[in-house]
Amino acid sequence: MAPCNFIDDCSFYQERKSGQSLMWRWLVQDYCLGSLYPNCAIRGYFLVAGEGAPEGLVPSGGVDDDLLKR
């Protein structure tokens, strides 16, 4: 399957594509590069708002701030 068509403009992908966290690697692999990209909350935001998603939004939906700091 082809990667998400917004990957070049996605700050989530750009910031975490080389990350070491297993959680971030799973999200990148499945949502940015894999079959879950049509369900990505960030992609959905791009489609509706026509601009980058707010800080803190991850492909699977929002997470709390403590998790983002890991």
PDB file of N, CA and C in Angstrom:
ATOM      1  N   MET A   1       0.842  -1.184   0.000  1.00  0.00           N
ATOM      2  CA  MET A   1       0.000   0.000   0.000  1.00  0.00           C
ATOM      3  C   MET A   1       0.888   1.248   0.000  1.00  0.00           C
ATOM      4  N   ALA A   2       0.450   2.258  -0.682  1.00  0.00           N
ATOM      5  CA  ALA A   2       1.172   3.533  -0.756  1.00  0.00           C
ATOM      6  C   ALA A   2       1.039   4.283   0.563  1.00  0.00           C
ATOM      7  N   PRO A   3       2.028   5.105   0.896  1.00  0.00           N
ATOM      8  CA  PRO A   3       1.926   5.899   2.126  1.00  0.00           C
ATOM      9  C   PRO A   3       0.861   6.982   1.995  1.00  0.00           C
ATOM     10  N   CYS A   4       0.560   7.609   3.092  1.00  0.00           N
ATOM     11  CA  CYS A   4      -0.399   8.714   3.130  1.00  0.00           C
ATOM     12  C   CYS A   4       0.030   9.814   2.156  1.00  0.00           C
ATOM     13  N   ASN A   5      -0.926  10.380   1.456  1.00  0.00           N
ATOM     14  CA  ASN A   5      -0.608  11.426   0.485  1.00  0.00           C
ATOM     15  C   ASN A   5      -0.264  12.772   1.133  1.00  0.00           C
ATOM     16  N   PHE A   6      -0.404  12.901   2.452  1.00  0.00           N
ATOM     17  CA  PHE A   6      -0.042  14.130   3.158  1.00  0.00           C
ATOM     18  C   PHE A   6       1.291  14.001   3.905  1.00  0.00           C
ATOM     19  N   ILE A   7       1.996  12.917   3.684  1.00  0.00           N
ATOM     20  CA  ILE A   7       3.195  12.613   4.466  1.00  0.00           C
ATOM     21  C   ILE A   7       4.258  13.717   4.389  1.00  0.00           C
ATOM     22  N   ASP A   8       4.407  14.342   3.244  1.00  0.00           N
ATOM     23  CA  ASP A   8       5.432  15.393   3.091  1.00  0.00           C
ATOM     24  C   ASP A   8       5.108  16.645   3.891  1.00  0.00           C
ATOM     25  N   ASP A   9       3.842  16.880   4.176  1.00  0.00           N
ATOM     26  CA  ASP A   9       3.417  18.070   4.919  1.00  0.00           C
ATOM     27  C   ASP A   9       3.058  17.785   6.369  1.00  0.00           C
ATOM     28  N   CYS A  10       3.219  16.557   6.793  1.00  0.00           N
ATOM     29  CA  CYS A  10       2.781  16.149   8.131  1.00  0.00           C
ATOM     30  C   CYS A  10       3.897  16.323   9.159  1.00  0.00           C
ATOM     31  N   SER A  11       3.691  17.216  10.106  1.00  0.00           N
ATOM     32  CA  SER A  11       4.713  17.445  11.131  1.00  0.00           C
ATOM     33  C   SER A  11       4.865  16.227  12.039  1.00  0.00           C
ATOM     34  N   PHE A  12       3.790  15.502  12.293  1.00  0.00           N
ATOM     35  CA  PHE A  12       3.900  14.283  13.101  1.00  0.00           C
ATOM     36  C   PHE A  12       4.889  13.316  12.455  1.00  0.00           C
ATOM     37  N   TYR A  13       4.698  13.046  11.180  1.00  0.00           N
ATOM     38  CA  TYR A  13       5.593  12.123  10.480  1.00  0.00           C
ATOM     39  C   TYR A  13       7.024  12.660  10.458  1.00  0.00           C
ATOM     40  N   GLN A  14       7.200  13.908  10.091  1.00  0.00           N
ATOM     41  CA  GLN A  14       8.539  14.481   9.985  1.00  0.00           C
ATOM     42  C   GLN A  14       9.290  14.435  11.320  1.00  0.00           C
ATOM     43  N   GLU A  15       8.593  14.668  12.412  1.00  0.00           N
ATOM     44  CA  GLU A  15       9.231  14.690  13.737  1.00  0.00           C
ATOM     45  C   GLU A  15       9.480  13.296  14.294  1.00  0.00           C
ATOM     46  N   ARG A  16       8.698  12.319  13.881  1.00  0.00           N
ATOM     47  CA  ARG A  16       8.774  11.014  14.534  1.00  0.00           C
ATOM     48  C   ARG A  16       9.178   9.856  13.632  1.00  0.00           C
ATOM     49  N   LYS A  17       9.449  10.108  12.387  1.00  0.00           N
ATOM     50  CA  LYS A  17       9.774   9.022  11.454  1.00  0.00           C
ATOM     51  C   LYS A  17      11.040   8.268  11.840  1.00  0.00           C
ATOM     52  N   SER A  18      11.948   8.908  12.540  1.00  0.00           N
ATOM     53  CA  SER A  18      13.190   8.259  12.962  1.00  0.00           C
ATOM     54  C   SER A  18      13.245   8.029  14.463  1.00  0.00           C
ATOM     55  N   GLY A  19      12.122   8.186  15.138  1.00  0.00           N
ATOM     56  CA  GLY A  19      12.088   8.052  16.590  1.00  0.00           C
ATOM     57  C   GLY A  19      12.336   6.634  17.071  1.00  0.00           C
ATOM     58  N   GLN A  20      12.759   6.519  18.308  1.00  0.00           N
ATOM     59  CA  GLN A  20      13.068   5.228  18.896  1.00  0.00           C
ATOM     60  C   GLN A  20      11.917   4.631  19.714  1.00  0.00           C
ATOM     61  N   SER A  21      10.958   5.445  20.076  1.00  0.00           N
ATOM     62  CA  SER A  21       9.832   4.965  20.875  1.00  0.00           C
ATOM     63  C   SER A  21       9.032   3.932  20.087  1.00  0.00           C
ATOM     64  N   LEU A  22       8.747   2.804  20.714  1.00  0.00           N
ATOM     65  CA  LEU A  22       7.960   1.763  20.043  1.00  0.00           C
ATOM     66  C   LEU A  22       6.567   2.268  19.681  1.00  0.00           C
ATOM     67  N   MET A  23       5.991   3.093  20.536  1.00  0.00           N
ATOM     68  CA  MET A  23       4.660   3.620  20.256  1.00  0.00           C
ATOM     69  C   MET A  23       4.682   4.497  19.008  1.00  0.00           C
ATOM     70  N   TRP A  24       5.636   5.425  18.943  1.00  0.00           N
ATOM     71  CA  TRP A  24       5.710   6.304  17.780  1.00  0.00           C
ATOM     72  C   TRP A  24       6.017   5.512  16.526  1.00  0.00           C
ATOM     73  N   ARG A  25       6.922   4.529  16.609  1.00  0.00           N
ATOM     74  CA  ARG A  25       7.265   3.722  15.435  1.00  0.00           C
ATOM     75  C   ARG A  25       6.051   2.949  14.932  1.00  0.00           C
ATOM     76  N   TRP A  26       5.237   2.424  15.855  1.00  0.00           N
ATOM     77  CA  TRP A  26       4.029   1.714  15.457  1.00  0.00           C
ATOM     78  C   TRP A  26       3.057   2.655  14.757  1.00  0.00           C
ATOM     79  N   LEU A  27       2.853   3.841  15.320  1.00  0.00           N
ATOM     80  CA  LEU A  27       1.940   4.800  14.704  1.00  0.00           C
ATOM     81  C   LEU A  27       2.413   5.206  13.314  1.00  0.00           C
ATOM     82  N   VAL A  28       3.702   5.482  13.168  1.00  0.00           N
ATOM     83  CA  VAL A  28       4.261   5.859  11.854  1.00  0.00           C
ATOM     84  C   VAL A  28       4.097   4.709  10.868  1.00  0.00           C
ATOM     85  N   GLN A  29       4.455   3.501  11.295  1.00  0.00           N
ATOM     86  CA  GLN A  29       4.387   2.347  10.397  1.00  0.00           C
ATOM     87  C   GLN A  29       2.960   2.062   9.941  1.00  0.00           C
ATOM     88  N   ASP A  30       2.023   2.075  10.866  1.00  0.00           N
ATOM     89  CA  ASP A  30       0.647   1.698  10.525  1.00  0.00           C
ATOM     90  C   ASP A  30      -0.183   2.831   9.931  1.00  0.00           C
ATOM     91  N   TYR A  31      -0.028   4.038  10.457  1.00  0.00           N
ATOM     92  CA  TYR A  31      -0.857   5.145   9.986  1.00  0.00           C
ATOM     93  C   TYR A  31      -0.215   5.938   8.843  1.00  0.00           C
ATOM     94  N   CYS A  32       1.068   6.219   8.936  1.00  0.00           N
ATOM     95  CA  CYS A  32       1.713   7.047   7.910  1.00  0.00           C
ATOM     96  C   CYS A  32       2.114   6.236   6.680  1.00  0.00           C
ATOM     97  N   LEU A  33       2.577   5.019   6.911  1.00  0.00           N
ATOM     98  CA  LEU A  33       3.112   4.205   5.825  1.00  0.00           C
ATOM     99  C   LEU A  33       2.262   2.980   5.503  1.00  0.00           C
ATOM    100  N   GLY A  34       1.281   2.690   6.332  1.00  0.00           N
ATOM    101  CA  GLY A  34       0.532   1.457   6.179  1.00  0.00           C
ATOM    102  C   GLY A  34      -0.942   1.625   5.880  1.00  0.00           C
ATOM    103  N   SER A  35      -1.652   0.566   6.131  1.00  0.00           N
ATOM    104  CA  SER A  35      -3.059   0.480   5.731  1.00  0.00           C
ATOM    105  C   SER A  35      -4.020   1.324   6.562  1.00  0.00           C
ATOM    106  N   LEU A  36      -3.587   1.847   7.708  1.00  0.00           N
ATOM    107  CA  LEU A  36      -4.485   2.649   8.546  1.00  0.00           C
ATOM    108  C   LEU A  36      -4.509   4.131   8.162  1.00  0.00           C
ATOM    109  N   TYR A  37      -3.733   4.527   7.169  1.00  0.00           N
ATOM    110  CA  TYR A  37      -3.671   5.965   6.861  1.00  0.00           C
ATOM    111  C   TYR A  37      -5.030   6.595   6.535  1.00  0.00           C
ATOM    112  N   PRO A  38      -5.991   5.880   5.923  1.00  0.00           N
ATOM    113  CA  PRO A  38      -7.292   6.527   5.690  1.00  0.00           C
ATOM    114  C   PRO A  38      -8.024   6.898   6.991  1.00  0.00           C
ATOM    115  N   ASN A  39      -7.641   6.249   8.099  1.00  0.00           N
ATOM    116  CA  ASN A  39      -8.271   6.512   9.397  1.00  0.00           C
ATOM    117  C   ASN A  39      -7.498   7.504  10.265  1.00  0.00           C
ATOM    118  N   CYS A  40      -6.433   8.062   9.755  1.00  0.00           N
ATOM    119  CA  CYS A  40      -5.571   8.957  10.525  1.00  0.00           C
ATOM    120  C   CYS A  40      -6.289  10.263  10.873  1.00  0.00           C
ATOM    121  N   ALA A  41      -6.272  10.601  12.160  1.00  0.00           N
ATOM    122  CA  ALA A  41      -6.918  11.833  12.621  1.00  0.00           C
ATOM    123  C   ALA A  41      -6.220  13.070  12.055  1.00  0.00           C
ATOM    124  N   ILE A  42      -4.916  13.008  11.879  1.00  0.00           N
ATOM    125  CA  ILE A  42      -4.173  14.139  11.320  1.00  0.00           C
ATOM    126  C   ILE A  42      -4.552  14.328   9.851  1.00  0.00           C
ATOM    127  N   ARG A  43      -4.634  13.244   9.106  1.00  0.00           N
ATOM    128  CA  ARG A  43      -5.050  13.304   7.700  1.00  0.00           C
ATOM    129  C   ARG A  43      -6.473  13.857   7.598  1.00  0.00           C
ATOM    130  N   GLY A  44      -7.344  13.417   8.493  1.00  0.00           N
ATOM    131  CA  GLY A  44      -8.714  13.912   8.516  1.00  0.00           C
ATOM    132  C   GLY A  44      -8.759  15.411   8.757  1.00  0.00           C
ATOM    133  N   TYR A  45      -7.891  15.889   9.627  1.00  0.00           N
ATOM    134  CA  TYR A  45      -7.818  17.325   9.894  1.00  0.00           C
ATOM    135  C   TYR A  45      -7.382  18.078   8.645  1.00  0.00           C
ATOM    136  N   PHE A  46      -6.343  17.561   7.968  1.00  0.00           N
ATOM    137  CA  PHE A  46      -5.896  18.170   6.704  1.00  0.00           C
ATOM    138  C   PHE A  46      -7.057  18.268   5.719  1.00  0.00           C
ATOM    139  N   LEU A  47      -7.817  17.183   5.580  1.00  0.00           N
ATOM    140  CA  LEU A  47      -8.908  17.140   4.609  1.00  0.00           C
ATOM    141  C   LEU A  47     -10.018  18.142   4.923  1.00  0.00           C
ATOM    142  N   VAL A  48     -10.319  18.315   6.203  1.00  0.00           N
ATOM    143  CA  VAL A  48     -11.401  19.221   6.605  1.00  0.00           C
ATOM    144  C   VAL A  48     -10.932  20.671   6.677  1.00  0.00           C
ATOM    145  N   ALA A  49      -9.811  20.900   7.342  1.00  0.00           N
ATOM    146  CA  ALA A  49      -9.349  22.266   7.591  1.00  0.00           C
ATOM    147  C   ALA A  49      -8.443  22.815   6.492  1.00  0.00           C
ATOM    148  N   GLY A  50      -7.819  21.927   5.736  1.00  0.00           N
ATOM    149  CA  GLY A  50      -6.915  22.368   4.687  1.00  0.00           C
ATOM    150  C   GLY A  50      -5.586  22.884   5.207  1.00  0.00           C
ATOM    151  N   GLU A  51      -5.260  22.539   6.440  1.00  0.00           N
ATOM    152  CA  GLU A  51      -4.000  22.986   7.043  1.00  0.00           C
ATOM    153  C   GLU A  51      -3.527  21.942   8.040  1.00  0.00           C
ATOM    154  N   GLY A  52      -2.313  22.141   8.537  1.00  0.00           N
ATOM    155  CA  GLY A  52      -1.728  21.214   9.484  1.00  0.00           C
ATOM    156  C   GLY A  52      -2.527  21.100  10.773  1.00  0.00           C
ATOM    157  N   ALA A  53      -2.472  19.926  11.358  1.00  0.00           N
ATOM    158  CA  ALA A  53      -3.200  19.650  12.592  1.00  0.00           C
ATOM    159  C   ALA A  53      -2.557  20.354  13.784  1.00  0.00           C
ATOM    160  N   PRO A  54      -3.336  20.620  14.829  1.00  0.00           N
ATOM    161  CA  PRO A  54      -2.781  21.247  16.028  1.00  0.00           C
ATOM    162  C   PRO A  54      -1.815  20.314  16.759  1.00  0.00           C
ATOM    163  N   GLU A  55      -0.911  20.892  17.498  1.00  0.00           N
ATOM    164  CA  GLU A  55       0.048  20.139  18.312  1.00  0.00           C
ATOM    165  C   GLU A  55      -0.717  19.222  19.262  1.00  0.00           C
ATOM    166  N   GLY A  56      -0.238  18.022  19.412  1.00  0.00           N
ATOM    167  CA  GLY A  56      -0.868  17.083  20.332  1.00  0.00           C
ATOM    168  C   GLY A  56      -1.794  16.095  19.667  1.00  0.00           C
ATOM    169  N   LEU A  57      -2.144  16.327  18.418  1.00  0.00           N
ATOM    170  CA  LEU A  57      -2.991  15.377  17.706  1.00  0.00           C
ATOM    171  C   LEU A  57      -2.099  14.318  17.092  1.00  0.00           C
ATOM    172  N   VAL A  58      -2.423  13.068  17.332  1.00  0.00           N
ATOM    173  CA  VAL A  58      -1.667  11.949  16.766  1.00  0.00           C
ATOM    174  C   VAL A  58      -2.597  11.157  15.847  1.00  0.00           C
ATOM    175  N   PRO A  59      -2.039  10.301  14.997  1.00  0.00           N
ATOM    176  CA  PRO A  59      -2.859   9.599  14.015  1.00  0.00           C
ATOM    177  C   PRO A  59      -4.072   8.877  14.587  1.00  0.00           C
ATOM    178  N   SER A  60      -3.942   8.317  15.761  1.00  0.00           N
ATOM    179  CA  SER A  60      -5.041   7.561  16.347  1.00  0.00           C
ATOM    180  C   SER A  60      -6.033   8.448  17.088  1.00  0.00           C
ATOM    181  N   GLY A  61      -5.768   9.744  17.172  1.00  0.00           N
ATOM    182  CA  GLY A  61      -6.604  10.693  17.917  1.00  0.00           C
ATOM    183  C   GLY A  61      -5.757  11.377  18.970  1.00  0.00           C
ATOM    184  N   GLY A  62      -6.339  12.240  19.759  1.00  0.00           N
ATOM    185  CA  GLY A  62      -5.587  12.978  20.778  1.00  0.00           C
ATOM    186  C   GLY A  62      -5.062  12.093  21.886  1.00  0.00           C
ATOM    187  N   VAL A  63      -3.981  12.510  22.492  1.00  0.00           N
ATOM    188  CA  VAL A  63      -3.418  11.842  23.675  1.00  0.00           C
ATOM    189  C   VAL A  63      -3.132  12.904  24.716  1.00  0.00           C
ATOM    190  N   ASP A  64      -2.967  12.449  25.958  1.00  0.00           N
ATOM    191  CA  ASP A  64      -2.715  13.477  26.981  1.00  0.00           C
ATOM    192  C   ASP A  64      -1.261  13.946  26.925  1.00  0.00           C
ATOM    193  N   ASP A  65      -1.003  15.098  27.487  1.00  0.00           N
ATOM    194  CA  ASP A  65       0.305  15.748  27.399  1.00  0.00           C
ATOM    195  C   ASP A  65       1.432  14.922  27.993  1.00  0.00           C
ATOM    196  N   ASP A  66       1.179  14.162  29.061  1.00  0.00           N
ATOM    197  CA  ASP A  66       2.223  13.350  29.664  1.00  0.00           C
ATOM    198  C   ASP A  66       2.748  12.301  28.691  1.00  0.00           C
ATOM    199  N   LEU A  67       1.888  11.721  27.907  1.00  0.00           N
ATOM    200  CA  LEU A  67       2.313  10.719  26.941  1.00  0.00           C
ATOM    201  C   LEU A  67       3.130  11.360  25.827  1.00  0.00           C
ATOM    202  N   LEU A  68       2.795  12.549  25.417  1.00  0.00           N
ATOM    203  CA  LEU A  68       3.533  13.233  24.360  1.00  0.00           C
ATOM    204  C   LEU A  68       4.972  13.562  24.777  1.00  0.00           C
ATOM    205  N   LYS A  69       5.231  13.719  26.058  1.00  0.00           N
ATOM    206  CA  LYS A  69       6.557  14.085  26.542  1.00  0.00           C
ATOM    207  C   LYS A  69       7.520  12.899  26.560  1.00  0.00           C
ATOM    208  N   ARG A  70       7.030  11.699  26.355  1.00  0.00           N
ATOM    209  CA  ARG A  70       7.884  10.510  26.407  1.00  0.00           C
ATOM    210  C   ARG A  70       8.641  10.314  25.124  1.00  0.00           C
TER     211      ARG A  70
END
